[in-house]
């Protein structure tokens, strides 16, 4: 896995939401506590996805390129995570 250089102060919070994670413009990462039920690779994906938002706070082509650089198989992992969303995020 490639290292991801993150600039600035980043804080981490856990919060029940209808999504796996989010990243504020201030760099606060919010993770859904249900994420612990997922495979380690899925957890890594969500954390890396949100860390990438610190550099690219959108889902532009540059964002997806950055995510692919740090996790080359991210599309396959996202597919697995998406298949679990309805089961875990609607509890």
C-alpha atoms as a PDB file:
ATOM      1  CA  UNK A   1       0.000   0.000   0.000  1.00  0.00           C
ATOM      2  CA  UNK A   2       1.283   3.464  -0.854  1.00  0.00           C
ATOM      3  CA  UNK A   3       1.601   6.097   1.844  1.00  0.00           C
ATOM      4  CA  UNK A   4      -0.856   8.977   1.724  1.00  0.00           C
ATOM      5  CA  UNK A   5       0.562  12.358   2.707  1.00  0.00           C
ATOM      6  CA  UNK A   6      -2.048  14.238   4.704  1.00  0.00           C
ATOM      7  CA  UNK A   7      -1.558  17.915   5.404  1.00  0.00           C
ATOM      8  CA  UNK A   8      -3.027  19.716   8.404  1.00  0.00           C
ATOM      9  CA  UNK A   9      -4.733  18.555  11.559  1.00  0.00           C
ATOM     10  CA  UNK A  10      -7.008  15.571  11.220  1.00  0.00           C
ATOM     11  CA  UNK A  11      -9.348  14.370  13.921  1.00  0.00           C
ATOM     12  CA  UNK A  12     -11.412  11.200  14.037  1.00  0.00           C
ATOM     13  CA  UNK A  13     -14.947  10.731  15.360  1.00  0.00           C
ATOM     14  CA  UNK A  14     -17.423   7.863  15.423  1.00  0.00           C
ATOM     15  CA  UNK A  15     -21.049   8.605  14.680  1.00  0.00           C
ATOM     16  CA  UNK A  16     -24.104   6.683  13.528  1.00  0.00           C
ATOM     17  CA  UNK A  17     -24.989   7.814  10.036  1.00  0.00           C
ATOM     18  CA  UNK A  18     -26.448   6.358   6.873  1.00  0.00           C
ATOM     19  CA  UNK A  19     -22.993   6.228   5.317  1.00  0.00           C
ATOM     20  CA  UNK A  20     -19.739   4.493   6.183  1.00  0.00           C
ATOM     21  CA  UNK A  21     -17.721   7.655   6.690  1.00  0.00           C
ATOM     22  CA  UNK A  22     -17.307  11.310   5.888  1.00  0.00           C
ATOM     23  CA  UNK A  23     -14.683  14.042   5.958  1.00  0.00           C
ATOM     24  CA  UNK A  24     -15.412  17.667   6.809  1.00  0.00           C
ATOM     25  CA  UNK A  25     -13.726  20.616   5.133  1.00  0.00           C
ATOM     26  CA  UNK A  26     -11.789  21.042   8.407  1.00  0.00           C
ATOM     27  CA  UNK A  27     -10.355  17.511   8.132  1.00  0.00           C
ATOM     28  CA  UNK A  28     -12.566  15.781  10.696  1.00  0.00           C
ATOM     29  CA  UNK A  29     -13.105  12.164   9.746  1.00  0.00           C
ATOM     30  CA  UNK A  30     -16.360  10.591  10.885  1.00  0.00           C
ATOM     31  CA  UNK A  31     -16.680   6.794  10.794  1.00  0.00           C
ATOM     32  CA  UNK A  32     -19.827   4.771  11.301  1.00  0.00           C
ATOM     33  CA  UNK A  33     -19.417   2.363  14.256  1.00  0.00           C
ATOM     34  CA  UNK A  34     -21.006  -0.429  12.177  1.00  0.00           C
ATOM     35  CA  UNK A  35     -17.849  -0.350  10.073  1.00  0.00           C
ATOM     36  CA  UNK A  36     -16.183  -2.648  12.616  1.00  0.00           C
ATOM     37  CA  UNK A  37     -18.445  -5.454  11.307  1.00  0.00           C
ATOM     38  CA  UNK A  38     -16.824  -5.231   7.870  1.00  0.00           C
ATOM     39  CA  UNK A  39     -13.692  -7.005   6.674  1.00  0.00           C
ATOM     40  CA  UNK A  40     -10.402  -5.271   7.448  1.00  0.00           C
ATOM     41  CA  UNK A  41      -9.910  -4.406   3.780  1.00  0.00           C
ATOM     42  CA  UNK A  42     -13.281  -2.613   3.727  1.00  0.00           C
ATOM     43  CA  UNK A  43     -12.352  -0.652   6.844  1.00  0.00           C
ATOM     44  CA  UNK A  44      -9.067   0.307   5.191  1.00  0.00           C
ATOM     45  CA  UNK A  45     -10.998   1.424   2.108  1.00  0.00           C
ATOM     46  CA  UNK A  46     -13.309   3.746   4.069  1.00  0.00           C
ATOM     47  CA  UNK A  47     -10.436   5.295   6.013  1.00  0.00           C
ATOM     48  CA  UNK A  48      -8.326   5.783   2.877  1.00  0.00           C
ATOM     49  CA  UNK A  49     -11.352   7.135   0.982  1.00  0.00           C
ATOM     50  CA  UNK A  50     -11.945   9.752   3.674  1.00  0.00           C
ATOM     51  CA  UNK A  51      -8.251  10.622   3.980  1.00  0.00           C
ATOM     52  CA  UNK A  52      -8.169  11.223   0.222  1.00  0.00           C
ATOM     53  CA  UNK A  53     -10.921  13.791   0.754  1.00  0.00           C
ATOM     54  CA  UNK A  54      -8.466  15.893   2.740  1.00  0.00           C
ATOM     55  CA  UNK A  55      -6.569  16.493  -0.512  1.00  0.00           C
ATOM     56  CA  UNK A  56      -9.563  16.306  -2.887  1.00  0.00           C
ATOM     57  CA  UNK A  57     -12.790  17.245  -1.115  1.00  0.00           C
ATOM     58  CA  UNK A  58     -15.009  15.889  -3.893  1.00  0.00           C
ATOM     59  CA  UNK A  59     -15.394  12.817  -6.087  1.00  0.00           C
ATOM     60  CA  UNK A  60     -13.572  14.217  -9.100  1.00  0.00           C
ATOM     61  CA  UNK A  61     -11.337  12.199 -11.415  1.00  0.00           C
ATOM     62  CA  UNK A  62      -8.337  13.446  -9.386  1.00  0.00           C
ATOM     63  CA  UNK A  63      -9.919  12.047  -6.210  1.00  0.00           C
ATOM     64  CA  UNK A  64     -10.445   8.595  -7.761  1.00  0.00           C
ATOM     65  CA  UNK A  65      -6.890   8.574  -9.169  1.00  0.00           C
ATOM     66  CA  UNK A  66      -5.514   9.383  -5.715  1.00  0.00           C
ATOM     67  CA  UNK A  67      -7.581   6.633  -4.095  1.00  0.00           C
ATOM     68  CA  UNK A  68      -6.456   4.157  -6.758  1.00  0.00           C
ATOM     69  CA  UNK A  69      -2.824   5.108  -6.093  1.00  0.00           C
ATOM     70  CA  UNK A  70      -3.127   4.240  -2.393  1.00  0.00           C
ATOM     71  CA  UNK A  71      -5.429   1.230  -2.921  1.00  0.00           C
ATOM     72  CA  UNK A  72      -5.187  -0.153  -6.467  1.00  0.00           C
ATOM     73  CA  UNK A  73      -8.056  -2.644  -5.961  1.00  0.00           C
ATOM     74  CA  UNK A  74     -10.372  -0.051  -4.381  1.00  0.00           C
ATOM     75  CA  UNK A  75     -13.204  -0.624  -6.885  1.00  0.00           C
ATOM     76  CA  UNK A  76     -13.528  -4.277  -5.924  1.00  0.00           C
ATOM     77  CA  UNK A  77     -13.458  -3.425  -2.218  1.00  0.00           C
ATOM     78  CA  UNK A  78     -16.079  -0.694  -2.718  1.00  0.00           C
ATOM     79  CA  UNK A  79     -18.344  -3.220  -4.441  1.00  0.00           C
ATOM     80  CA  UNK A  80     -18.073  -5.539  -1.423  1.00  0.00           C
ATOM     81  CA  UNK A  81     -18.727  -2.656   0.969  1.00  0.00           C
ATOM     82  CA  UNK A  82     -21.741  -1.477  -1.041  1.00  0.00           C
ATOM     83  CA  UNK A  83     -23.224  -4.968  -0.848  1.00  0.00           C
ATOM     84  CA  UNK A  84     -23.104  -4.790   2.962  1.00  0.00           C
ATOM     85  CA  UNK A  85     -24.505  -1.249   3.265  1.00  0.00           C
ATOM     86  CA  UNK A  86     -28.192  -2.114   3.366  1.00  0.00           C
ATOM     87  CA  UNK A  87     -27.642  -4.812   5.974  1.00  0.00           C
ATOM     88  CA  UNK A  88     -25.536  -2.749   8.400  1.00  0.00           C
ATOM     89  CA  UNK A  89     -26.413   0.910   7.788  1.00  0.00           C
ATOM     90  CA  UNK A  90     -30.149   0.434   8.261  1.00  0.00           C
ATOM     91  CA  UNK A  91     -29.941  -1.217  11.697  1.00  0.00           C
END
